[in-house]
Amino acid sequence: MIERLSRVHKAEAVEVLAEAFHDYPVMRFVLKDAGAAYEERLRALVGFFCELRLTRDYPLIGVREHGALVAVAGINDPEAGPWPPALQNVWTAAGEVIGAAALERLERFETTAAALEPGDPHYYLGIIGVRPGLQGRGFARILIDELVGMSRAHPRSTGIALTTEQRGNVSIYRRFGFEVVGEADIDEVHTWVMFRADG
């Protein structure tokens, strides 16, 4: 049911995540000046999030039901090094679509949130989404359980961090074992940084 996604599956993954995050606060914040180009820029932004994992060989995992991809998670490895040149090219290409101001907002958001994460090596659940209409059926749990297993098996990982920008998600992630370790406001967006320690 779970599979490691490759570049062959990127278009599918982008479609799932763009549907799941269509009106998510971070997307609306980053792309707030997109106007009529919002759909195109949303897919470019989500495509960058997928490409970030594919280029660095980080986990991009999905769940299928009846052959269709229904949920996707993009994950960062605990031991991240500097960006390879290929990823810098992807960032530049994304910026040409979404605009320099959007890149600046994204970078500011990510820098602020990352500063609140624990300092010890850990996985980062950068994005997880389920197709609208299929939430509540356990697909996110399947992906998170897979990540918990990855973290426990990694020799240096101490757990999993994530951020959420919807208050209602805080209680949901608490049910998965995450706790709030920091909060911040980035302009109109409030983020909760959460962490699940291995154990």
Protein backbone atom coordinates (compact mmCIF):
# COMPACT_ATOMS: atom_id res chain seq x y z
CA MET A 1 0.00 0.00 0.00
CA ILE A 2 2.91 2.38 0.78
CA GLU A 3 5.41 3.08 -1.94
CA ARG A 4 8.51 5.16 -2.38
CA LEU A 5 7.74 7.62 -5.13
CA SER A 6 10.17 8.46 -7.92
CA ARG A 7 10.25 11.18 -10.52
CA VAL A 8 7.94 9.03 -12.66
CA HIS A 9 5.24 9.63 -10.03
CA LYS A 10 5.92 13.35 -9.56
CA ALA A 11 2.91 14.60 -11.54
CA GLU A 12 0.61 12.35 -9.50
CA ALA A 13 2.16 13.50 -6.25
CA VAL A 14 1.85 17.17 -7.21
CA GLU A 15 -1.82 16.69 -8.05
CA VAL A 16 -2.57 15.06 -4.68
CA LEU A 17 -0.72 17.72 -2.70
CA ALA A 18 -2.08 20.66 -4.72
CA GLU A 19 -5.61 19.42 -4.04
CA ALA A 20 -4.91 18.82 -0.36
CA PHE A 21 -3.24 22.20 0.19
CA HIS A 22 -5.29 24.36 -2.15
CA ASP A 23 -6.42 26.74 0.59
CA TYR A 24 -3.78 26.00 3.22
CA PRO A 25 -2.52 29.11 5.10
CA VAL A 26 1.14 28.73 4.05
CA MET A 27 0.25 28.37 0.37
CA ARG A 28 -2.08 31.38 0.51
CA PHE A 29 0.62 33.37 2.35
CA VAL A 30 3.46 32.51 -0.01
CA LEU A 31 1.34 32.98 -3.13
CA LYS A 32 -0.79 35.87 -1.90
CA ASP A 33 -0.02 38.06 -4.90
CA ALA A 34 -0.66 35.29 -7.48
CA GLY A 35 -4.14 36.46 -8.47
CA ALA A 36 -5.50 34.52 -11.45
CA ALA A 37 -2.19 32.59 -11.68
CA TYR A 38 -2.74 30.94 -8.28
CA GLU A 39 -3.39 27.41 -9.63
CA GLU A 40 -0.28 27.44 -11.83
CA ARG A 41 1.89 28.85 -9.07
CA LEU A 42 0.52 26.43 -6.47
CA ARG A 43 1.52 23.50 -8.65
CA ALA A 44 4.96 25.02 -9.21
CA LEU A 45 5.42 25.47 -5.47
CA VAL A 46 4.25 21.94 -4.66
CA GLY A 47 6.39 20.67 -7.51
CA PHE A 48 9.40 22.29 -5.87
CA PHE A 49 8.57 20.57 -2.56
CA CYS A 50 8.50 17.21 -4.38
CA GLU A 51 11.62 17.94 -6.41
CA LEU A 52 13.50 18.90 -3.24
CA ARG A 53 13.04 15.31 -1.99
CA LEU A 54 13.61 13.63 -5.34
CA THR A 55 16.81 15.55 -6.10
CA ARG A 56 18.30 14.80 -2.70
CA ASP A 57 17.01 11.21 -2.56
CA TYR A 58 14.95 12.03 0.52
CA PRO A 59 11.75 10.05 1.14
CA LEU A 60 8.75 11.00 -0.96
CA ILE A 61 6.23 8.32 -0.07
CA GLY A 62 2.64 7.68 -1.01
CA VAL A 63 -0.37 5.49 -0.37
CA ARG A 64 -2.51 4.05 -3.15
CA GLU A 65 -6.08 2.84 -3.10
CA HIS A 66 -7.33 0.83 -6.08
CA GLY A 67 -4.21 1.91 -7.96
CA ALA A 68 -4.75 5.65 -7.47
CA LEU A 69 -2.40 7.75 -5.39
CA VAL A 70 -4.45 9.16 -2.49
CA ALA A 71 -1.89 10.45 0.03
CA VAL A 72 1.68 11.76 -0.13
CA ALA A 73 4.35 12.75 2.38
CA GLY A 74 7.58 14.63 1.65
CA ILE A 75 10.28 14.10 4.26
CA ASN A 76 13.73 15.54 4.99
CA ASP A 77 16.57 13.32 6.14
CA PRO A 78 18.14 13.90 9.58
CA GLU A 79 21.57 14.61 8.14
CA ALA A 80 21.05 17.27 5.53
CA GLY A 81 24.08 18.72 3.80
CA PRO A 82 24.34 21.75 1.52
CA TRP A 83 22.07 21.95 -1.51
CA PRO A 84 23.48 20.30 -4.63
CA PRO A 85 23.71 22.58 -7.69
CA ALA A 86 20.80 20.75 -9.33
CA LEU A 87 18.50 21.74 -6.47
CA GLN A 88 19.57 25.36 -6.69
CA ASN A 89 18.53 25.24 -10.34
CA VAL A 90 15.13 23.85 -9.33
CA TRP A 91 14.73 26.68 -6.78
CA THR A 92 15.59 29.25 -9.45
CA ALA A 93 13.12 27.70 -11.89
CA ALA A 94 10.37 27.71 -9.25
CA GLY A 95 11.11 31.36 -8.55
CA GLU A 96 10.62 32.21 -12.22
CA VAL A 97 7.05 30.90 -11.93
CA ILE A 98 5.99 32.00 -8.44
CA GLY A 99 8.02 35.23 -8.30
CA ALA A 100 10.81 36.63 -6.15
CA ALA A 101 8.46 38.01 -3.47
CA ALA A 102 6.88 34.56 -3.02
CA LEU A 103 10.33 32.96 -2.69
CA GLU A 104 11.24 35.53 -0.06
CA ARG A 105 8.09 34.78 1.94
CA LEU A 106 8.70 31.03 1.69
CA GLU A 107 12.32 31.38 2.79
CA ARG A 108 11.33 33.62 5.70
CA PHE A 109 8.66 31.17 6.81
CA GLU A 110 10.98 28.17 6.62
CA THR A 111 13.87 29.93 8.39
CA THR A 112 11.62 31.07 11.25
CA ALA A 113 10.05 27.64 11.72
CA ALA A 114 13.33 25.72 11.43
CA ALA A 115 14.87 27.80 14.23
CA LEU A 116 12.26 26.37 16.61
CA GLU A 117 12.99 22.73 15.83
CA PRO A 118 15.09 20.61 18.24
CA GLY A 119 18.82 20.86 17.61
CA ASP A 120 19.52 17.12 17.57
CA PRO A 121 19.29 15.20 14.26
CA HIS A 122 15.71 14.36 13.32
CA TYR A 123 13.45 13.71 10.37
CA TYR A 124 11.31 16.62 9.19
CA LEU A 125 7.85 15.93 7.82
CA GLY A 126 7.77 18.82 5.39
CA ILE A 127 4.43 18.09 3.75
CA ILE A 128 1.71 15.47 4.13
CA GLY A 129 -1.57 15.56 2.27
CA VAL A 130 -4.58 13.38 1.53
CA ARG A 131 -6.95 13.96 -1.37
CA PRO A 132 -10.03 15.97 -0.34
CA GLY A 133 -12.94 13.68 0.45
CA LEU A 134 -10.64 10.89 1.63
CA GLN A 135 -9.42 12.45 4.88
CA GLY A 136 -10.27 10.62 8.09
CA ARG A 137 -9.77 7.17 6.59
CA GLY A 138 -6.34 6.53 8.08
CA PHE A 139 -4.11 7.34 5.10
CA ALA A 140 -2.12 9.99 6.99
CA ARG A 141 -1.60 7.54 9.87
CA ILE A 142 -0.15 4.99 7.46
CA LEU A 143 2.40 7.56 6.25
CA ILE A 144 3.26 8.80 9.74
CA ASP A 145 3.66 5.24 11.05
CA GLU A 146 6.06 4.56 8.19
CA LEU A 147 8.07 7.65 9.12
CA VAL A 148 8.11 6.65 12.79
CA GLY A 149 9.65 3.35 11.73
CA MET A 150 12.26 5.17 9.61
CA SER A 151 13.21 7.41 12.50
CA ARG A 152 13.53 4.55 14.98
CA ALA A 153 15.71 2.62 12.52
CA HIS A 154 18.01 5.57 11.80
CA PRO A 155 21.20 5.45 13.91
CA ARG A 156 21.19 9.18 14.73
CA SER A 157 17.59 10.37 14.43
CA THR A 158 15.96 11.44 17.69
CA GLY A 159 12.44 11.83 16.30
CA ILE A 160 10.26 13.72 13.85
CA ALA A 161 9.48 17.43 13.58
CA LEU A 162 6.71 19.13 11.63
CA THR A 163 4.86 22.41 11.46
CA THR A 164 1.16 23.10 11.18
CA GLU A 165 -0.62 26.36 10.51
CA GLN A 166 -4.12 25.23 11.44
CA ARG A 167 -5.03 25.16 15.12
CA GLY A 168 -7.26 22.12 14.67
CA ASN A 169 -4.31 20.07 13.43
CA VAL A 170 -2.46 20.50 16.73
CA SER A 171 -4.79 18.12 18.54
CA ILE A 172 -4.69 15.69 15.61
CA TYR A 173 -0.90 15.53 15.66
CA ARG A 174 -0.94 15.16 19.44
CA ARG A 175 -2.86 11.92 18.89
CA PHE A 176 0.10 10.78 16.78
CA GLY A 177 2.49 11.52 19.67
CA PHE A 178 3.67 15.01 18.67
CA GLU A 179 3.96 17.89 21.13
CA VAL A 180 4.30 21.62 20.51
CA VAL A 181 7.89 22.78 20.98
CA GLY A 182 7.53 26.32 19.61
CA GLU A 183 5.19 28.85 18.00
CA ALA A 184 5.77 31.88 15.81
CA ASP A 185 3.99 34.47 13.71
CA ILE A 186 5.24 35.14 10.19
CA ASP A 187 3.16 38.09 9.07
CA GLU A 188 -0.43 36.82 9.05
CA VAL A 189 0.49 33.15 9.46
CA HIS A 190 0.79 31.48 12.87
CA THR A 191 2.81 28.27 12.95
CA TRP A 192 3.07 25.56 15.58
CA VAL A 193 6.32 23.56 15.52
CA MET A 194 5.74 20.05 16.83
CA PHE A 195 8.06 17.16 17.66
CA ARG A 196 7.60 13.45 18.26
CA ALA A 197 10.54 11.95 20.12
CA ASP A 198 11.53 8.38 19.30
CA GLY A 199 10.66 5.96 22.03
